[in-house]
């Protein structure tokens, strides 16, 4: 087994239907881990972090729509900062927020 095969197998397990939920990211249906509460400073019930495959979401961007269980969320950023999207080349960790209004600069 090659390193690439091992990574592909691990990703298959990590994003298995049992451990993830189906969401819609910017119009595309993908599987994601959803951690409610997130890293942001907002109300806990209104924030989350999703983890998605880079292969499914090439470039997450501020205000991209994310639909989870029929509720629309948006990729979030703190005031005056870029969205804090982290990744390792295989997965993205993307902060999202419900009811977030765009800030004015």
N, C-alpha and C. Protein backbone atom coordinates (compact mmCIF):
# COMPACT_ATOMS: atom_id res chain seq x y z
N UNK A 1 0.85 -1.17 0.00
CA UNK A 1 0.00 0.00 0.00
C UNK A 1 0.90 1.24 0.00
N UNK A 2 0.57 2.20 -0.83
CA UNK A 2 1.34 3.44 -0.90
C UNK A 2 0.80 4.43 0.13
N UNK A 3 1.56 5.52 0.34
CA UNK A 3 1.13 6.57 1.24
C UNK A 3 -0.20 7.17 0.76
N UNK A 4 -0.32 7.41 -0.54
CA UNK A 4 -1.55 7.96 -1.12
C UNK A 4 -2.74 7.03 -0.87
N UNK A 5 -2.51 5.71 -0.98
CA UNK A 5 -3.58 4.75 -0.70
C UNK A 5 -4.01 4.82 0.77
N UNK A 6 -3.04 4.94 1.66
CA UNK A 6 -3.33 5.00 3.09
C UNK A 6 -4.15 6.25 3.42
N UNK A 7 -3.78 7.37 2.82
CA UNK A 7 -4.53 8.61 3.05
C UNK A 7 -5.95 8.48 2.51
N UNK A 8 -6.08 7.93 1.32
CA UNK A 8 -7.41 7.75 0.72
C UNK A 8 -8.29 6.85 1.59
N UNK A 9 -7.70 5.78 2.13
CA UNK A 9 -8.45 4.89 3.02
C UNK A 9 -8.87 5.60 4.30
N UNK A 10 -7.95 6.36 4.89
CA UNK A 10 -8.26 7.10 6.12
C UNK A 10 -9.35 8.13 5.87
N UNK A 11 -9.28 8.82 4.74
CA UNK A 11 -10.30 9.81 4.41
C UNK A 11 -11.66 9.14 4.20
N UNK A 12 -11.65 7.95 3.61
CA UNK A 12 -12.89 7.21 3.42
C UNK A 12 -13.55 6.86 4.73
N UNK A 13 -12.75 6.49 5.73
CA UNK A 13 -13.28 6.17 7.05
C UNK A 13 -13.74 7.45 7.75
N UNK A 14 -12.91 8.49 7.72
CA UNK A 14 -13.21 9.73 8.43
C UNK A 14 -14.48 10.39 7.91
N UNK A 15 -14.73 10.28 6.60
CA UNK A 15 -15.92 10.89 6.01
C UNK A 15 -17.00 9.86 5.68
N UNK A 16 -16.97 8.72 6.38
CA UNK A 16 -17.99 7.69 6.23
C UNK A 16 -19.35 8.25 6.67
N UNK A 17 -20.41 7.74 6.10
CA UNK A 17 -21.76 8.21 6.41
C UNK A 17 -22.09 8.16 7.90
N UNK A 18 -21.53 7.19 8.61
CA UNK A 18 -21.83 7.03 10.03
C UNK A 18 -21.31 8.20 10.87
N UNK A 19 -20.21 8.82 10.44
CA UNK A 19 -19.55 9.84 11.24
C UNK A 19 -19.83 11.27 10.77
N UNK A 20 -20.47 11.44 9.63
CA UNK A 20 -20.69 12.77 9.07
C UNK A 20 -22.16 12.99 8.76
N UNK A 21 -22.47 14.20 8.34
CA UNK A 21 -23.82 14.47 7.88
C UNK A 21 -23.75 15.11 6.50
N UNK A 22 -24.82 14.96 5.77
CA UNK A 22 -24.92 15.53 4.44
C UNK A 22 -25.31 17.00 4.57
N UNK A 23 -24.50 17.87 3.95
CA UNK A 23 -24.79 19.30 3.94
C UNK A 23 -24.75 19.79 2.50
N UNK A 24 -25.17 21.01 2.29
CA UNK A 24 -25.04 21.64 0.98
C UNK A 24 -24.09 22.81 1.14
N UNK A 25 -22.97 22.76 0.42
CA UNK A 25 -21.99 23.84 0.47
C UNK A 25 -22.00 24.55 -0.86
N UNK A 26 -22.43 25.79 -0.87
CA UNK A 26 -22.47 26.62 -2.08
C UNK A 26 -23.14 25.88 -3.24
N UNK A 27 -24.25 25.20 -2.94
CA UNK A 27 -25.04 24.52 -3.96
C UNK A 27 -24.67 23.08 -4.23
N UNK A 28 -23.57 22.59 -3.66
CA UNK A 28 -23.12 21.22 -3.87
C UNK A 28 -23.34 20.39 -2.61
N UNK A 29 -23.88 19.18 -2.76
CA UNK A 29 -24.08 18.28 -1.63
C UNK A 29 -22.77 17.58 -1.32
N UNK A 30 -22.33 17.69 -0.05
CA UNK A 30 -21.09 17.06 0.41
C UNK A 30 -21.31 16.47 1.79
N UNK A 31 -20.39 15.63 2.23
CA UNK A 31 -20.41 15.08 3.58
C UNK A 31 -19.47 15.93 4.42
N UNK A 32 -19.86 16.19 5.67
CA UNK A 32 -19.05 17.04 6.55
C UNK A 32 -19.19 16.62 8.00
N UNK A 33 -18.14 16.88 8.76
CA UNK A 33 -18.22 16.83 10.21
C UNK A 33 -18.72 18.21 10.64
N UNK A 34 -19.65 18.26 11.56
CA UNK A 34 -20.18 19.53 12.04
C UNK A 34 -19.97 19.58 13.54
N UNK A 35 -19.24 20.60 14.00
CA UNK A 35 -19.01 20.80 15.43
C UNK A 35 -19.67 22.12 15.82
N UNK A 36 -20.78 22.03 16.51
CA UNK A 36 -21.51 23.23 16.90
C UNK A 36 -20.79 23.93 18.04
N UNK A 37 -20.78 25.23 18.01
CA UNK A 37 -20.09 26.03 19.03
C UNK A 37 -18.93 26.79 18.43
N UNK A 38 -18.08 26.13 17.69
CA UNK A 38 -17.02 26.76 16.91
C UNK A 38 -15.97 27.51 17.69
N UNK A 39 -15.13 28.25 16.94
CA UNK A 39 -14.03 29.02 17.50
C UNK A 39 -14.35 30.50 17.63
N UNK A 40 -15.46 30.94 17.13
CA UNK A 40 -15.75 32.38 17.09
C UNK A 40 -16.27 32.88 18.44
N UNK A 41 -16.50 34.16 18.51
CA UNK A 41 -16.94 34.77 19.76
C UNK A 41 -18.44 34.99 19.81
N UNK A 42 -19.17 34.47 18.87
CA UNK A 42 -20.62 34.67 18.83
C UNK A 42 -21.36 33.77 19.80
N UNK A 43 -22.67 33.86 19.75
CA UNK A 43 -23.51 33.01 20.57
C UNK A 43 -23.28 31.56 20.17
N UNK A 44 -23.09 30.71 21.14
CA UNK A 44 -22.74 29.31 20.86
C UNK A 44 -23.73 28.65 19.91
N UNK A 45 -25.01 28.91 20.08
CA UNK A 45 -26.02 28.26 19.25
C UNK A 45 -25.96 28.72 17.79
N UNK A 46 -25.29 29.82 17.53
CA UNK A 46 -25.26 30.36 16.18
C UNK A 46 -23.96 30.10 15.43
N UNK A 47 -23.00 29.41 16.03
CA UNK A 47 -21.72 29.17 15.37
C UNK A 47 -21.42 27.68 15.29
N UNK A 48 -20.59 27.35 14.31
CA UNK A 48 -20.15 25.96 14.14
C UNK A 48 -18.88 25.97 13.31
N UNK A 49 -18.22 24.83 13.28
CA UNK A 49 -17.09 24.61 12.39
C UNK A 49 -17.40 23.35 11.62
N UNK A 50 -17.28 23.43 10.28
CA UNK A 50 -17.47 22.24 9.47
C UNK A 50 -16.11 21.79 8.97
N UNK A 51 -15.97 20.50 8.81
CA UNK A 51 -14.76 19.93 8.22
C UNK A 51 -15.19 19.20 6.96
N UNK A 52 -14.64 19.62 5.83
CA UNK A 52 -14.99 19.06 4.53
C UNK A 52 -13.73 18.70 3.77
N UNK A 53 -13.85 17.77 2.84
CA UNK A 53 -12.72 17.39 2.00
C UNK A 53 -12.36 18.51 1.04
N UNK A 54 -11.07 18.76 0.87
CA UNK A 54 -10.59 19.72 -0.12
C UNK A 54 -11.07 19.30 -1.51
N UNK A 55 -11.15 18.00 -1.75
CA UNK A 55 -11.62 17.50 -3.06
C UNK A 55 -13.06 17.90 -3.33
N UNK A 56 -13.85 18.15 -2.29
CA UNK A 56 -15.26 18.52 -2.45
C UNK A 56 -15.49 20.03 -2.42
N UNK A 57 -14.65 20.75 -1.69
CA UNK A 57 -14.75 22.21 -1.58
C UNK A 57 -13.36 22.77 -1.83
N UNK A 58 -13.13 23.22 -3.05
CA UNK A 58 -11.78 23.63 -3.45
C UNK A 58 -11.29 24.88 -2.73
N UNK A 59 -12.14 25.88 -2.58
CA UNK A 59 -11.69 27.15 -2.01
C UNK A 59 -12.81 27.82 -1.22
N UNK A 60 -12.96 27.49 0.06
CA UNK A 60 -13.99 28.13 0.87
C UNK A 60 -13.76 29.64 0.93
N UNK A 61 -14.84 30.40 0.87
CA UNK A 61 -14.75 31.86 0.84
C UNK A 61 -15.78 32.46 1.79
N UNK A 62 -15.41 33.59 2.37
CA UNK A 62 -16.31 34.32 3.27
C UNK A 62 -17.67 34.50 2.62
N UNK A 63 -18.71 34.22 3.40
CA UNK A 63 -20.12 34.34 3.03
C UNK A 63 -20.64 33.23 2.13
N UNK A 64 -19.85 32.22 1.80
CA UNK A 64 -20.38 31.07 1.06
C UNK A 64 -21.55 30.50 1.86
N UNK A 65 -22.64 30.12 1.19
CA UNK A 65 -23.78 29.53 1.91
C UNK A 65 -23.55 28.05 2.22
N UNK A 66 -23.96 27.66 3.41
CA UNK A 66 -23.88 26.28 3.87
C UNK A 66 -25.26 25.93 4.45
N UNK A 67 -25.88 24.89 3.94
CA UNK A 67 -27.20 24.50 4.44
C UNK A 67 -27.06 23.19 5.22
N UNK A 68 -27.47 23.25 6.49
CA UNK A 68 -27.42 22.09 7.37
C UNK A 68 -28.82 21.89 7.93
N UNK A 69 -29.40 20.73 7.68
CA UNK A 69 -30.75 20.41 8.16
C UNK A 69 -31.75 21.52 7.80
N UNK A 70 -31.63 22.05 6.59
CA UNK A 70 -32.57 23.05 6.11
C UNK A 70 -32.31 24.47 6.58
N UNK A 71 -31.30 24.68 7.40
CA UNK A 71 -30.97 26.01 7.92
C UNK A 71 -29.75 26.55 7.18
N UNK A 72 -29.84 27.80 6.75
CA UNK A 72 -28.73 28.41 6.02
C UNK A 72 -27.74 29.06 6.99
N UNK A 73 -26.50 28.69 6.83
CA UNK A 73 -25.37 29.26 7.55
C UNK A 73 -24.49 29.95 6.51
N UNK A 74 -23.51 30.72 6.95
CA UNK A 74 -22.55 31.36 6.05
C UNK A 74 -21.16 31.22 6.62
N UNK A 75 -20.18 31.10 5.70
CA UNK A 75 -18.78 31.11 6.14
C UNK A 75 -18.57 32.43 6.86
N UNK A 76 -17.96 32.36 8.02
CA UNK A 76 -17.90 33.48 8.96
C UNK A 76 -16.48 34.02 9.09
N UNK A 77 -16.39 35.29 9.43
CA UNK A 77 -15.11 35.89 9.82
C UNK A 77 -15.37 36.88 10.93
N UNK A 78 -14.35 37.09 11.76
CA UNK A 78 -14.45 38.12 12.79
C UNK A 78 -14.36 39.49 12.12
N UNK A 79 -14.88 40.48 12.76
CA UNK A 79 -14.84 41.84 12.23
C UNK A 79 -13.42 42.24 11.84
N UNK A 80 -13.28 42.82 10.65
CA UNK A 80 -12.01 43.35 10.16
C UNK A 80 -10.94 42.27 9.90
N UNK A 81 -11.32 41.01 9.87
CA UNK A 81 -10.37 39.94 9.60
C UNK A 81 -10.88 39.09 8.46
N UNK A 82 -9.99 38.37 7.86
CA UNK A 82 -10.39 37.38 6.88
C UNK A 82 -10.99 36.18 7.61
N UNK A 83 -11.75 35.39 6.90
CA UNK A 83 -12.28 34.16 7.50
C UNK A 83 -11.10 33.28 7.91
N UNK A 84 -11.17 32.69 9.08
CA UNK A 84 -10.09 31.84 9.57
C UNK A 84 -10.37 30.40 9.14
N UNK A 85 -9.99 30.11 7.91
CA UNK A 85 -10.20 28.79 7.33
C UNK A 85 -8.87 28.05 7.40
N UNK A 86 -8.87 26.90 8.06
CA UNK A 86 -7.65 26.13 8.21
C UNK A 86 -7.75 24.87 7.38
N UNK A 87 -6.60 24.42 6.89
CA UNK A 87 -6.58 23.19 6.11
C UNK A 87 -5.21 22.57 6.10
N UNK A 88 -5.18 21.31 5.74
CA UNK A 88 -3.91 20.59 5.68
C UNK A 88 -3.65 20.00 4.30
N UNK A 89 -4.41 20.43 3.32
CA UNK A 89 -4.28 19.89 1.97
C UNK A 89 -5.26 18.77 1.68
N UNK A 90 -5.86 18.21 2.73
CA UNK A 90 -6.82 17.13 2.57
C UNK A 90 -8.22 17.54 3.03
N UNK A 91 -8.28 18.32 4.13
CA UNK A 91 -9.55 18.78 4.66
C UNK A 91 -9.47 20.26 5.01
N UNK A 92 -10.63 20.92 4.97
CA UNK A 92 -10.77 22.30 5.43
C UNK A 92 -11.54 22.30 6.73
N UNK A 93 -11.17 23.16 7.65
CA UNK A 93 -11.96 23.46 8.84
C UNK A 93 -12.48 24.88 8.63
N UNK A 94 -13.78 24.99 8.46
CA UNK A 94 -14.40 26.24 8.03
C UNK A 94 -15.38 26.74 9.10
N UNK A 95 -15.16 27.95 9.66
CA UNK A 95 -16.11 28.50 10.62
C UNK A 95 -17.36 29.00 9.89
N UNK A 96 -18.51 28.70 10.46
CA UNK A 96 -19.77 29.15 9.87
C UNK A 96 -20.64 29.75 10.97
N UNK A 97 -21.61 30.57 10.54
CA UNK A 97 -22.48 31.22 11.51
C UNK A 97 -23.86 31.39 10.92
N UNK A 98 -24.88 31.21 11.75
CA UNK A 98 -26.26 31.49 11.36
C UNK A 98 -26.55 32.95 11.64
N UNK A 99 -27.43 33.53 10.85
CA UNK A 99 -27.90 34.89 11.08
C UNK A 99 -26.78 35.94 11.07
N UNK A 100 -25.64 35.62 10.47
CA UNK A 100 -24.54 36.58 10.42
C UNK A 100 -24.82 37.62 9.34
N UNK A 101 -24.69 38.88 9.70
CA UNK A 101 -24.84 39.95 8.72
C UNK A 101 -23.46 40.44 8.31
N UNK A 102 -23.25 40.75 7.04
CA UNK A 102 -21.92 41.24 6.63
C UNK A 102 -21.58 42.53 7.35
N UNK A 103 -20.32 42.66 7.75
CA UNK A 103 -19.87 43.88 8.40
C UNK A 103 -19.52 44.96 7.40
N UNK A 104 -19.46 46.17 7.85
CA UNK A 104 -19.10 47.29 6.99
C UNK A 104 -17.68 47.73 7.35
N UNK A 105 -16.90 48.04 6.35
CA UNK A 105 -15.53 48.50 6.60
C UNK A 105 -15.46 49.99 6.45
